[in-house]
Amino acid sequence: MTSHSSRASSAVWAAGAKAHVRMWLIVLAVLVCLGVALASHMPGIGEQAAYAGYESTEVVHYTVRPGDTLWSIADRFTDAPAAQVVECLKAVNGLDDSRIVAGQHLIIPV
């Protein structure tokens, strides 16, 4: 009976740890976007550094659908230039390139 109780508490701990990590990833995403927004207002930083939509701290949790691209997602969620939004989406979601797959979860600052 002790091992069952031990396994159950391990499962509860693991679920709590996942939720904790997910929360910190969201916080990190918001901080990255705020940093990009602040950098865009610094002298000498070009318009390419950020787009106006990243001045918000709100995020959307989006599940990629078949046929989606980062470009189409950027067009759907903001009026800012898609090329700039795509770069920020890659940074926020830890993507090395622009490849995404259906079912993948993305954090989109709006």
PDB file of N, CA and C in Angstrom:
ATOM      1  N   MET A   1       0.818  -1.188   0.000  1.00  0.00           N
ATOM      2  CA  MET A   1       0.000   0.000   0.000  1.00  0.00           C
ATOM      3  C   MET A   1       0.868   1.260   0.000  1.00  0.00           C
ATOM      4  N   THR A   2       2.015   1.187   0.560  1.00  0.00           N
ATOM      5  CA  THR A   2       2.908   2.328   0.592  1.00  0.00           C
ATOM      6  C   THR A   2       3.372   2.715  -0.805  1.00  0.00           C
ATOM      7  N   SER A   3       3.654   1.734  -1.660  1.00  0.00           N
ATOM      8  CA  SER A   3       4.137   2.051  -2.998  1.00  0.00           C
ATOM      9  C   SER A   3       3.042   2.708  -3.832  1.00  0.00           C
ATOM     10  N   HIS A   4       1.775   2.293  -3.659  1.00  0.00           N
ATOM     11  CA  HIS A   4       0.679   2.921  -4.388  1.00  0.00           C
ATOM     12  C   HIS A   4       0.547   4.391  -3.970  1.00  0.00           C
ATOM     13  N   SER A   5       0.604   4.638  -2.695  1.00  0.00           N
ATOM     14  CA  SER A   5       0.524   5.997  -2.171  1.00  0.00           C
ATOM     15  C   SER A   5       1.697   6.825  -2.673  1.00  0.00           C
ATOM     16  N   SER A   6       2.862   6.210  -2.721  1.00  0.00           N
ATOM     17  CA  SER A   6       4.050   6.896  -3.199  1.00  0.00           C
ATOM     18  C   SER A   6       3.925   7.249  -4.676  1.00  0.00           C
ATOM     19  N   ARG A   7       3.391   6.312  -5.476  1.00  0.00           N
ATOM     20  CA  ARG A   7       3.203   6.577  -6.899  1.00  0.00           C
ATOM     21  C   ARG A   7       2.176   7.688  -7.113  1.00  0.00           C
ATOM     22  N   ALA A   8       1.116   7.679  -6.333  1.00  0.00           N
ATOM     23  CA  ALA A   8       0.082   8.704  -6.461  1.00  0.00           C
ATOM     24  C   ALA A   8       0.641  10.079  -6.119  1.00  0.00           C
ATOM     25  N   SER A   9       1.431  10.165  -5.066  1.00  0.00           N
ATOM     26  CA  SER A   9       1.987  11.462  -4.697  1.00  0.00           C
ATOM     27  C   SER A   9       3.007  11.920  -5.729  1.00  0.00           C
ATOM     28  N   SER A  10       3.720  10.980  -6.349  1.00  0.00           N
ATOM     29  CA  SER A  10       4.658  11.336  -7.413  1.00  0.00           C
ATOM     30  C   SER A  10       3.909  11.884  -8.610  1.00  0.00           C
ATOM     31  N   ALA A  11       2.774  11.282  -8.953  1.00  0.00           N
ATOM     32  CA  ALA A  11       1.972  11.751 -10.082  1.00  0.00           C
ATOM     33  C   ALA A  11       1.424  13.144  -9.807  1.00  0.00           C
ATOM     34  N   VAL A  12       0.978  13.382  -8.587  1.00  0.00           N
ATOM     35  CA  VAL A  12       0.456  14.697  -8.212  1.00  0.00           C
ATOM     36  C   VAL A  12       1.577  15.731  -8.293  1.00  0.00           C
ATOM     37  N   TRP A  13       2.753  15.358  -7.809  1.00  0.00           N
ATOM     38  CA  TRP A  13       3.892  16.273  -7.855  1.00  0.00           C
ATOM     39  C   TRP A  13       4.249  16.588  -9.298  1.00  0.00           C
ATOM     40  N   ALA A  14       4.266  15.579 -10.173  1.00  0.00           N
ATOM     41  CA  ALA A  14       4.625  15.778 -11.576  1.00  0.00           C
ATOM     42  C   ALA A  14       3.617  16.699 -12.260  1.00  0.00           C
ATOM     43  N   ALA A  15       2.335  16.521 -11.983  1.00  0.00           N
ATOM     44  CA  ALA A  15       1.307  17.383 -12.578  1.00  0.00           C
ATOM     45  C   ALA A  15       1.486  18.823 -12.103  1.00  0.00           C
ATOM     46  N   GLY A  16       1.778  18.987 -10.826  1.00  0.00           N
ATOM     47  CA  GLY A  16       2.013  20.332 -10.287  1.00  0.00           C
ATOM     48  C   GLY A  16       3.242  20.974 -10.896  1.00  0.00           C
ATOM     49  N   ALA A  17       4.277  20.166 -11.100  1.00  0.00           N
ATOM     50  CA  ALA A  17       5.511  20.681 -11.702  1.00  0.00           C
ATOM     51  C   ALA A  17       5.255  21.125 -13.135  1.00  0.00           C
ATOM     52  N   LYS A  18       4.460  20.373 -13.895  1.00  0.00           N
ATOM     53  CA  LYS A  18       4.145  20.751 -15.273  1.00  0.00           C
ATOM     54  C   LYS A  18       3.382  22.069 -15.305  1.00  0.00           C
ATOM     55  N   ALA A  19       2.421  22.220 -14.416  1.00  0.00           N
ATOM     56  CA  ALA A  19       1.647  23.462 -14.365  1.00  0.00           C
ATOM     57  C   ALA A  19       2.554  24.636 -14.005  1.00  0.00           C
ATOM     58  N   HIS A  20       3.469  24.405 -13.088  1.00  0.00           N
ATOM     59  CA  HIS A  20       4.407  25.445 -12.659  1.00  0.00           C
ATOM     60  C   HIS A  20       5.302  25.858 -13.833  1.00  0.00           C
ATOM     61  N   VAL A  21       5.818  24.892 -14.556  1.00  0.00           N
ATOM     62  CA  VAL A  21       6.673  25.182 -15.712  1.00  0.00           C
ATOM     63  C   VAL A  21       5.886  25.932 -16.779  1.00  0.00           C
ATOM     64  N   ARG A  22       4.664  25.503 -17.042  1.00  0.00           N
ATOM     65  CA  ARG A  22       3.815  26.164 -18.039  1.00  0.00           C
ATOM     66  C   ARG A  22       3.587  27.624 -17.650  1.00  0.00           C
ATOM     67  N   MET A  23       3.326  27.877 -16.360  1.00  0.00           N
ATOM     68  CA  MET A  23       3.105  29.241 -15.899  1.00  0.00           C
ATOM     69  C   MET A  23       4.353  30.095 -16.145  1.00  0.00           C
ATOM     70  N   TRP A  24       5.516  29.566 -15.837  1.00  0.00           N
ATOM     71  CA  TRP A  24       6.750  30.314 -16.027  1.00  0.00           C
ATOM     72  C   TRP A  24       7.058  30.554 -17.501  1.00  0.00           C
ATOM     73  N   LEU A  25       6.676  29.617 -18.376  1.00  0.00           N
ATOM     74  CA  LEU A  25       6.852  29.834 -19.812  1.00  0.00           C
ATOM     75  C   LEU A  25       5.985  30.993 -20.297  1.00  0.00           C
ATOM     76  N   ILE A  26       4.776  31.087 -19.772  1.00  0.00           N
ATOM     77  CA  ILE A  26       3.897  32.193 -20.137  1.00  0.00           C
ATOM     78  C   ILE A  26       4.481  33.511 -19.641  1.00  0.00           C
ATOM     79  N   VAL A  27       4.956  33.525 -18.405  1.00  0.00           N
ATOM     80  CA  VAL A  27       5.577  34.733 -17.852  1.00  0.00           C
ATOM     81  C   VAL A  27       6.782  35.130 -18.699  1.00  0.00           C
ATOM     82  N   LEU A  28       7.606  34.156 -19.075  1.00  0.00           N
ATOM     83  CA  LEU A  28       8.775  34.434 -19.904  1.00  0.00           C
ATOM     84  C   LEU A  28       8.359  35.006 -21.257  1.00  0.00           C
ATOM     85  N   ALA A  29       7.318  34.443 -21.860  1.00  0.00           N
ATOM     86  CA  ALA A  29       6.840  34.931 -23.154  1.00  0.00           C
ATOM     87  C   ALA A  29       6.399  36.388 -23.056  1.00  0.00           C
ATOM     88  N   VAL A  30       5.678  36.711 -22.003  1.00  0.00           N
ATOM     89  CA  VAL A  30       5.219  38.083 -21.814  1.00  0.00           C
ATOM     90  C   VAL A  30       6.409  39.016 -21.619  1.00  0.00           C
ATOM     91  N   LEU A  31       7.383  38.583 -20.837  1.00  0.00           N
ATOM     92  CA  LEU A  31       8.570  39.415 -20.606  1.00  0.00           C
ATOM     93  C   LEU A  31       9.366  39.635 -21.887  1.00  0.00           C
ATOM     94  N   VAL A  32       9.496  38.604 -22.707  1.00  0.00           N
ATOM     95  CA  VAL A  32      10.195  38.747 -23.989  1.00  0.00           C
ATOM     96  C   VAL A  32       9.485  39.782 -24.849  1.00  0.00           C
ATOM     97  N   CYS A  33       8.178  39.683 -24.919  1.00  0.00           N
ATOM     98  CA  CYS A  33       7.425  40.625 -25.750  1.00  0.00           C
ATOM     99  C   CYS A  33       7.502  42.046 -25.209  1.00  0.00           C
ATOM    100  N   LEU A  34       7.473  42.185 -23.898  1.00  0.00           N
ATOM    101  CA  LEU A  34       7.627  43.520 -23.322  1.00  0.00           C
ATOM    102  C   LEU A  34       9.012  44.080 -23.626  1.00  0.00           C
ATOM    103  N   GLY A  35      10.022  43.233 -23.551  1.00  0.00           N
ATOM    104  CA  GLY A  35      11.381  43.665 -23.881  1.00  0.00           C
ATOM    105  C   GLY A  35      11.488  44.118 -25.325  1.00  0.00           C
ATOM    106  N   VAL A  36      10.865  43.379 -26.224  1.00  0.00           N
ATOM    107  CA  VAL A  36      10.862  43.754 -27.637  1.00  0.00           C
ATOM    108  C   VAL A  36      10.135  45.079 -27.821  1.00  0.00           C
ATOM    109  N   ALA A  37       9.020  45.246 -27.143  1.00  0.00           N
ATOM    110  CA  ALA A  37       8.262  46.497 -27.254  1.00  0.00           C
ATOM    111  C   ALA A  37       9.073  47.669 -26.712  1.00  0.00           C
ATOM    112  N   LEU A  38       9.732  47.475 -25.586  1.00  0.00           N
ATOM    113  CA  LEU A  38      10.548  48.551 -25.018  1.00  0.00           C
ATOM    114  C   LEU A  38      11.728  48.872 -25.923  1.00  0.00           C
ATOM    115  N   ALA A  39      12.352  47.851 -26.486  1.00  0.00           N
ATOM    116  CA  ALA A  39      13.501  48.068 -27.364  1.00  0.00           C
ATOM    117  C   ALA A  39      13.104  48.861 -28.598  1.00  0.00           C
ATOM    118  N   SER A  40      11.873  48.684 -29.047  1.00  0.00           N
ATOM    119  CA  SER A  40      11.439  49.403 -30.250  1.00  0.00           C
ATOM    120  C   SER A  40      11.314  50.898 -30.007  1.00  0.00           C
ATOM    121  N   HIS A  41      11.224  51.316 -28.745  1.00  0.00           N
ATOM    122  CA  HIS A  41      11.099  52.732 -28.420  1.00  0.00           C
ATOM    123  C   HIS A  41      12.437  53.370 -28.071  1.00  0.00           C
ATOM    124  N   MET A  42      13.506  52.587 -28.111  1.00  0.00           N
ATOM    125  CA  MET A  42      14.828  53.119 -27.794  1.00  0.00           C
ATOM    126  C   MET A  42      15.428  53.777 -29.031  1.00  0.00           C
ATOM    127  N   PRO A  43      16.149  54.877 -28.843  1.00  0.00           N
ATOM    128  CA  PRO A  43      16.785  55.532 -29.985  1.00  0.00           C
ATOM    129  C   PRO A  43      17.737  54.571 -30.691  1.00  0.00           C
ATOM    130  N   GLY A  44      17.714  54.589 -32.014  1.00  0.00           N
ATOM    131  CA  GLY A  44      18.628  53.757 -32.782  1.00  0.00           C
ATOM    132  C   GLY A  44      18.091  52.371 -33.087  1.00  0.00           C
ATOM    133  N   ILE A  45      16.990  52.006 -32.490  1.00  0.00           N
ATOM    134  CA  ILE A  45      16.401  50.693 -32.748  1.00  0.00           C
ATOM    135  C   ILE A  45      15.358  50.892 -33.848  1.00  0.00           C
ATOM    136  N   GLY A  46      15.500  50.158 -34.929  1.00  0.00           N
ATOM    137  CA  GLY A  46      14.606  50.311 -36.072  1.00  0.00           C
ATOM    138  C   GLY A  46      13.222  49.760 -35.816  1.00  0.00           C
ATOM    139  N   GLU A  47      12.361  50.023 -36.783  1.00  0.00           N
ATOM    140  CA  GLU A  47      10.992  49.569 -36.719  1.00  0.00           C
ATOM    141  C   GLU A  47      10.912  48.047 -36.710  1.00  0.00           C
ATOM    142  N   GLN A  48      11.940  47.373 -37.232  1.00  0.00           N
ATOM    143  CA  GLN A  48      11.941  45.921 -37.317  1.00  0.00           C
ATOM    144  C   GLN A  48      12.037  45.255 -35.955  1.00  0.00           C
ATOM    145  N   ALA A  49      12.457  45.968 -34.937  1.00  0.00           N
ATOM    146  CA  ALA A  49      12.677  45.359 -33.629  1.00  0.00           C
ATOM    147  C   ALA A  49      11.399  44.831 -33.001  1.00  0.00           C
ATOM    148  N   ALA A  50      10.278  45.453 -33.283  1.00  0.00           N
ATOM    149  CA  ALA A  50       9.036  45.030 -32.631  1.00  0.00           C
ATOM    150  C   ALA A  50       7.848  45.541 -33.423  1.00  0.00           C
ATOM    151  N   TYR A  51       6.687  45.139 -33.014  1.00  0.00           N
ATOM    152  CA  TYR A  51       5.490  45.707 -33.597  1.00  0.00           C
ATOM    153  C   TYR A  51       4.567  46.141 -32.485  1.00  0.00           C
ATOM    154  N   ALA A  52       3.690  47.072 -32.792  1.00  0.00           N
ATOM    155  CA  ALA A  52       2.873  47.731 -31.768  1.00  0.00           C
ATOM    156  C   ALA A  52       2.028  46.758 -30.970  1.00  0.00           C
ATOM    157  N   GLY A  53       1.599  45.646 -31.541  1.00  0.00           N
ATOM    158  CA  GLY A  53       0.748  44.694 -30.854  1.00  0.00           C
ATOM    159  C   GLY A  53       1.391  44.058 -29.642  1.00  0.00           C
ATOM    160  N   TYR A  54       2.716  44.122 -29.542  1.00  0.00           N
ATOM    161  CA  TYR A  54       3.410  43.489 -28.425  1.00  0.00           C
ATOM    162  C   TYR A  54       3.494  44.383 -27.203  1.00  0.00           C
ATOM    163  N   GLU A  55       2.834  45.521 -27.241  1.00  0.00           N
ATOM    164  CA  GLU A  55       2.807  46.371 -26.063  1.00  0.00           C
ATOM    165  C   GLU A  55       1.813  45.853 -25.039  1.00  0.00           C
ATOM    166  N   SER A  56       0.990  44.915 -25.410  1.00  0.00           N
ATOM    167  CA  SER A  56       0.014  44.310 -24.515  1.00  0.00           C
ATOM    168  C   SER A  56       0.656  43.130 -23.776  1.00  0.00           C
ATOM    169  N   THR A  57       0.150  42.843 -22.598  1.00  0.00           N
ATOM    170  CA  THR A  57       0.643  41.687 -21.851  1.00  0.00           C
ATOM    171  C   THR A  57      -0.305  40.497 -21.993  1.00  0.00           C
ATOM    172  N   GLU A  58      -1.325  40.630 -22.847  1.00  0.00           N
ATOM    173  CA  GLU A  58      -2.271  39.534 -23.051  1.00  0.00           C
ATOM    174  C   GLU A  58      -1.712  38.534 -24.049  1.00  0.00           C
ATOM    175  N   VAL A  59      -2.021  37.262 -23.820  1.00  0.00           N
ATOM    176  CA  VAL A  59      -1.598  36.226 -24.756  1.00  0.00           C
ATOM    177  C   VAL A  59      -2.791  35.357 -25.122  1.00  0.00           C
ATOM    178  N   VAL A  60      -2.689  34.746 -26.289  1.00  0.00           N
ATOM    179  CA  VAL A  60      -3.682  33.787 -26.749  1.00  0.00           C
ATOM    180  C   VAL A  60      -2.977  32.442 -26.831  1.00  0.00           C
ATOM    181  N   HIS A  61      -3.621  31.401 -26.326  1.00  0.00           N
ATOM    182  CA  HIS A  61      -3.109  30.042 -26.473  1.00  0.00           C
ATOM    183  C   HIS A  61      -3.780  29.480 -27.713  1.00  0.00           C
ATOM    184  N   TYR A  62      -2.988  29.147 -28.706  1.00  0.00           N
ATOM    185  CA  TYR A  62      -3.521  28.743 -29.997  1.00  0.00           C
ATOM    186  C   TYR A  62      -3.024  27.354 -30.364  1.00  0.00           C
ATOM    187  N   THR A  63      -3.923  26.521 -30.858  1.00  0.00           N
ATOM    188  CA  THR A  63      -3.552  25.203 -31.358  1.00  0.00           C
ATOM    189  C   THR A  63      -3.510  25.280 -32.876  1.00  0.00           C
ATOM    190  N   VAL A  64      -2.362  24.931 -33.436  1.00  0.00           N
ATOM    191  CA  VAL A  64      -2.150  25.000 -34.874  1.00  0.00           C
ATOM    192  C   VAL A  64      -3.109  24.055 -35.593  1.00  0.00           C
ATOM    193  N   ARG A  65      -3.739  24.571 -36.648  1.00  0.00           N
ATOM    194  CA  ARG A  65      -4.664  23.778 -37.470  1.00  0.00           C
ATOM    195  C   ARG A  65      -3.955  23.367 -38.764  1.00  0.00           C
ATOM    196  N   PRO A  66      -4.440  22.306 -39.411  1.00  0.00           N
ATOM    197  CA  PRO A  66      -3.842  21.911 -40.702  1.00  0.00           C
ATOM    198  C   PRO A  66      -3.861  23.093 -41.673  1.00  0.00           C
ATOM    199  N   GLY A  67      -2.755  23.308 -42.338  1.00  0.00           N
ATOM    200  CA  GLY A  67      -2.641  24.403 -43.303  1.00  0.00           C
ATOM    201  C   GLY A  67      -2.138  25.706 -42.716  1.00  0.00           C
ATOM    202  N   ASP A  68      -2.088  25.828 -41.383  1.00  0.00           N
ATOM    203  CA  ASP A  68      -1.580  27.050 -40.756  1.00  0.00           C
ATOM    204  C   ASP A  68      -0.086  27.199 -41.007  1.00  0.00           C
ATOM    205  N   THR A  69       0.343  28.444 -41.119  1.00  0.00           N
ATOM    206  CA  THR A  69       1.762  28.800 -41.121  1.00  0.00           C
ATOM    207  C   THR A  69       1.930  29.913 -40.099  1.00  0.00           C
ATOM    208  N   LEU A  70       3.157  30.163 -39.662  1.00  0.00           N
ATOM    209  CA  LEU A  70       3.366  31.286 -38.744  1.00  0.00           C
ATOM    210  C   LEU A  70       2.910  32.586 -39.397  1.00  0.00           C
ATOM    211  N   TRP A  71       3.129  32.686 -40.698  1.00  0.00           N
ATOM    212  CA  TRP A  71       2.733  33.887 -41.437  1.00  0.00           C
ATOM    213  C   TRP A  71       1.212  34.082 -41.388  1.00  0.00           C
ATOM    214  N   SER A  72       0.455  33.004 -41.641  1.00  0.00           N
ATOM    215  CA  SER A  72      -1.009  33.130 -41.633  1.00  0.00           C
ATOM    216  C   SER A  72      -1.529  33.410 -40.226  1.00  0.00           C
ATOM    217  N   ILE A  73      -0.887  32.828 -39.231  1.00  0.00           N
ATOM    218  CA  ILE A  73      -1.283  33.087 -37.839  1.00  0.00           C
ATOM    219  C   ILE A  73      -0.992  34.541 -37.480  1.00  0.00           C
ATOM    220  N   ALA A  74       0.167  35.039 -37.902  1.00  0.00           N
ATOM    221  CA  ALA A  74       0.531  36.438 -37.637  1.00  0.00           C
ATOM    222  C   ALA A  74      -0.487  37.378 -38.278  1.00  0.00           C
ATOM    223  N   ASP A  75      -0.906  37.076 -39.508  1.00  0.00           N
ATOM    224  CA  ASP A  75      -1.912  37.898 -40.193  1.00  0.00           C
ATOM    225  C   ASP A  75      -3.255  37.864 -39.465  1.00  0.00           C
ATOM    226  N   ARG A  76      -3.595  36.709 -38.909  1.00  0.00           N
ATOM    227  CA  ARG A  76      -4.898  36.538 -38.263  1.00  0.00           C
ATOM    228  C   ARG A  76      -4.993  37.298 -36.942  1.00  0.00           C
ATOM    229  N   PHE A  77      -3.884  37.397 -36.193  1.00  0.00           N
ATOM    230  CA  PHE A  77      -3.951  37.942 -34.836  1.00  0.00           C
ATOM    231  C   PHE A  77      -3.470  39.376 -34.686  1.00  0.00           C
ATOM    232  N   THR A  78      -2.889  39.978 -35.720  1.00  0.00           N
ATOM    233  CA  THR A  78      -2.389  41.339 -35.574  1.00  0.00           C
ATOM    234  C   THR A  78      -2.404  42.069 -36.903  1.00  0.00           C
ATOM    235  N   ASP A  79      -2.401  43.385 -36.832  1.00  0.00           N
ATOM    236  CA  ASP A  79      -2.321  44.225 -38.030  1.00  0.00           C
ATOM    237  C   ASP A  79      -0.876  44.605 -38.340  1.00  0.00           C
ATOM    238  N   ALA A  80       0.055  44.234 -37.479  1.00  0.00           N
ATOM    239  CA  ALA A  80       1.463  44.570 -37.661  1.00  0.00           C
ATOM    240  C   ALA A  80       2.043  43.776 -38.831  1.00  0.00           C
ATOM    241  N   PRO A  81       3.178  44.219 -39.356  1.00  0.00           N
ATOM    242  CA  PRO A  81       3.821  43.494 -40.457  1.00  0.00           C
ATOM    243  C   PRO A  81       4.107  42.036 -40.068  1.00  0.00           C
ATOM    244  N   ALA A  82       3.609  41.113 -40.874  1.00  0.00           N
ATOM    245  CA  ALA A  82       3.682  39.683 -40.552  1.00  0.00           C
ATOM    246  C   ALA A  82       5.118  39.207 -40.360  1.00  0.00           C
ATOM    247  N   ALA A  83       6.056  39.717 -41.140  1.00  0.00           N
ATOM    248  CA  ALA A  83       7.447  39.262 -41.027  1.00  0.00           C
ATOM    249  C   ALA A  83       7.995  39.527 -39.623  1.00  0.00           C
ATOM    250  N   GLN A  84       7.657  40.670 -39.054  1.00  0.00           N
ATOM    251  CA  GLN A  84       8.124  41.003 -37.710  1.00  0.00           C
ATOM    252  C   GLN A  84       7.430  40.139 -36.664  1.00  0.00           C
ATOM    253  N   VAL A  85       6.147  39.898 -36.858  1.00  0.00           N
ATOM    254  CA  VAL A  85       5.383  39.088 -35.917  1.00  0.00           C
ATOM    255  C   VAL A  85       5.897  37.651 -35.923  1.00  0.00           C
ATOM    256  N   VAL A  86       6.205  37.125 -37.112  1.00  0.00           N
ATOM    257  CA  VAL A  86       6.712  35.757 -37.222  1.00  0.00           C
ATOM    258  C   VAL A  86       7.993  35.600 -36.405  1.00  0.00           C
ATOM    259  N   GLU A  87       8.891  36.558 -36.492  1.00  0.00           N
ATOM    260  CA  GLU A  87      10.147  36.476 -35.732  1.00  0.00           C
ATOM    261  C   GLU A  87       9.880  36.478 -34.228  1.00  0.00           C
ATOM    262  N   CYS A  88       8.941  37.298 -33.794  1.00  0.00           N
ATOM    263  CA  CYS A  88       8.604  37.337 -32.369  1.00  0.00           C
ATOM    264  C   CYS A  88       7.930  36.035 -31.937  1.00  0.00           C
ATOM    265  N   LEU A  89       7.039  35.495 -32.771  1.00  0.00           N
ATOM    266  CA  LEU A  89       6.396  34.219 -32.442  1.00  0.00           C
ATOM    267  C   LEU A  89       7.428  33.112 -32.301  1.00  0.00           C
ATOM    268  N   LYS A  90       8.418  33.111 -33.174  1.00  0.00           N
ATOM    269  CA  LYS A  90       9.479  32.099 -33.085  1.00  0.00           C
ATOM    270  C   LYS A  90      10.234  32.241 -31.762  1.00  0.00           C
ATOM    271  N   ALA A  91      10.541  33.481 -31.378  1.00  0.00           N
ATOM    272  CA  ALA A  91      11.274  33.709 -30.128  1.00  0.00           C
ATOM    273  C   ALA A  91      10.441  33.318 -28.914  1.00  0.00           C
ATOM    274  N   VAL A  92       9.194  33.742 -28.880  1.00  0.00           N
ATOM    275  CA  VAL A  92       8.320  33.484 -27.731  1.00  0.00           C
ATOM    276  C   VAL A  92       8.083  31.990 -27.530  1.00  0.00           C
ATOM    277  N   ASN A  93       7.966  31.261 -28.642  1.00  0.00           N
ATOM    278  CA  ASN A  93       7.643  29.840 -28.560  1.00  0.00           C
ATOM    279  C   ASN A  93       8.860  28.928 -28.664  1.00  0.00           C
ATOM    280  N   GLY A  94      10.061  29.514 -28.680  1.00  0.00           N
ATOM    281  CA  GLY A  94      11.283  28.718 -28.715  1.00  0.00           C
ATOM    282  C   GLY A  94      11.452  27.915 -29.997  1.00  0.00           C
ATOM    283  N   LEU A  95      11.030  28.483 -31.119  1.00  0.00           N
ATOM    284  CA  LEU A  95      11.132  27.793 -32.402  1.00  0.00           C
ATOM    285  C   LEU A  95      12.435  28.164 -33.090  1.00  0.00           C
ATOM    286  N   ASP A  96      13.134  27.161 -33.614  1.00  0.00           N
ATOM    287  CA  ASP A  96      14.384  27.416 -34.342  1.00  0.00           C
ATOM    288  C   ASP A  96      14.122  27.905 -35.762  1.00  0.00           C
ATOM    289  N   ASP A  97      12.994  27.505 -36.319  1.00  0.00           N
ATOM    290  CA  ASP A  97      12.627  27.929 -37.667  1.00  0.00           C
ATOM    291  C   ASP A  97      11.118  28.122 -37.729  1.00  0.00           C
ATOM    292  N   SER A  98      10.592  28.302 -38.908  1.00  0.00           N
ATOM    293  CA  SER A  98       9.172  28.618 -39.057  1.00  0.00           C
ATOM    294  C   SER A  98       8.277  27.399 -39.202  1.00  0.00           C
ATOM    295  N   ARG A  99       8.842  26.207 -39.081  1.00  0.00           N
ATOM    296  CA  ARG A  99       8.021  25.005 -39.245  1.00  0.00           C
ATOM    297  C   ARG A  99       7.139  24.770 -38.025  1.00  0.00           C
ATOM    298  N   ILE A 100       5.846  24.586 -38.282  1.00  0.00           N
ATOM    299  CA  ILE A 100       4.887  24.236 -37.243  1.00  0.00           C
ATOM    300  C   ILE A 100       4.031  23.091 -37.773  1.00  0.00           C
ATOM    301  N   VAL A 101       3.416  22.350 -36.853  1.00  0.00           N
ATOM    302  CA  VAL A 101       2.588  21.214 -37.258  1.00  0.00           C
ATOM    303  C   VAL A 101       1.225  21.310 -36.592  1.00  0.00           C
ATOM    304  N   ALA A 102       0.210  20.738 -37.260  1.00  0.00           N
ATOM    305  CA  ALA A 102      -1.136  20.717 -36.707  1.00  0.00           C
ATOM    306  C   ALA A 102      -1.112  20.055 -35.336  1.00  0.00           C
ATOM    307  N   GLY A 103      -1.824  20.654 -34.393  1.00  0.00           N
ATOM    308  CA  GLY A 103      -1.878  20.142 -33.027  1.00  0.00           C
ATOM    309  C   GLY A 103      -0.869  20.802 -32.096  1.00  0.00           C
ATOM    310  N   GLN A 104       0.115  21.470 -32.651  1.00  0.00           N
ATOM    311  CA  GLN A 104       1.128  22.153 -31.841  1.00  0.00           C
ATOM    312  C   GLN A 104       0.483  23.346 -31.141  1.00  0.00           C
ATOM    313  N   HIS A 105       0.901  23.604 -29.912  1.00  0.00           N
ATOM    314  CA  HIS A 105       0.359  24.721 -29.142  1.00  0.00           C
ATOM    315  C   HIS A 105       1.329  25.898 -29.201  1.00  0.00           C
ATOM    316  N   LEU A 106       0.790  27.071 -29.466  1.00  0.00           N
ATOM    317  CA  LEU A 106       1.587  28.290 -29.536  1.00  0.00           C
ATOM    318  C   LEU A 106       1.046  29.336 -28.581  1.00  0.00           C
ATOM    319  N   ILE A 107       1.947  30.160 -28.078  1.00  0.00           N
ATOM    320  CA  ILE A 107       1.564  31.326 -27.280  1.00  0.00           C
ATOM    321  C   ILE A 107       1.698  32.532 -28.209  1.00  0.00           C
ATOM    322  N   ILE A 108       0.616  33.290 -28.329  1.00  0.00           N
ATOM    323  CA  ILE A 108       0.599  34.431 -29.233  1.00  0.00           C
ATOM    324  C   ILE A 108       0.272  35.689 -28.436  1.00  0.00           C
ATOM    325  N   PRO A 109       1.250  36.567 -28.232  1.00  0.00           N
ATOM    326  CA  PRO A 109       0.964  37.849 -27.571  1.00  0.00           C
ATOM    327  C   PRO A 109       0.047  38.670 -28.471  1.00  0.00           C
ATOM    328  N   VAL A 110      -0.979  39.253 -27.900  1.00  0.00           N
ATOM    329  CA  VAL A 110      -1.920  40.062 -28.684  1.00  0.00           C
ATOM    330  C   VAL A 110      -2.029  41.463 -28.139  1.00  0.00           C
TER     331      VAL A 110
END
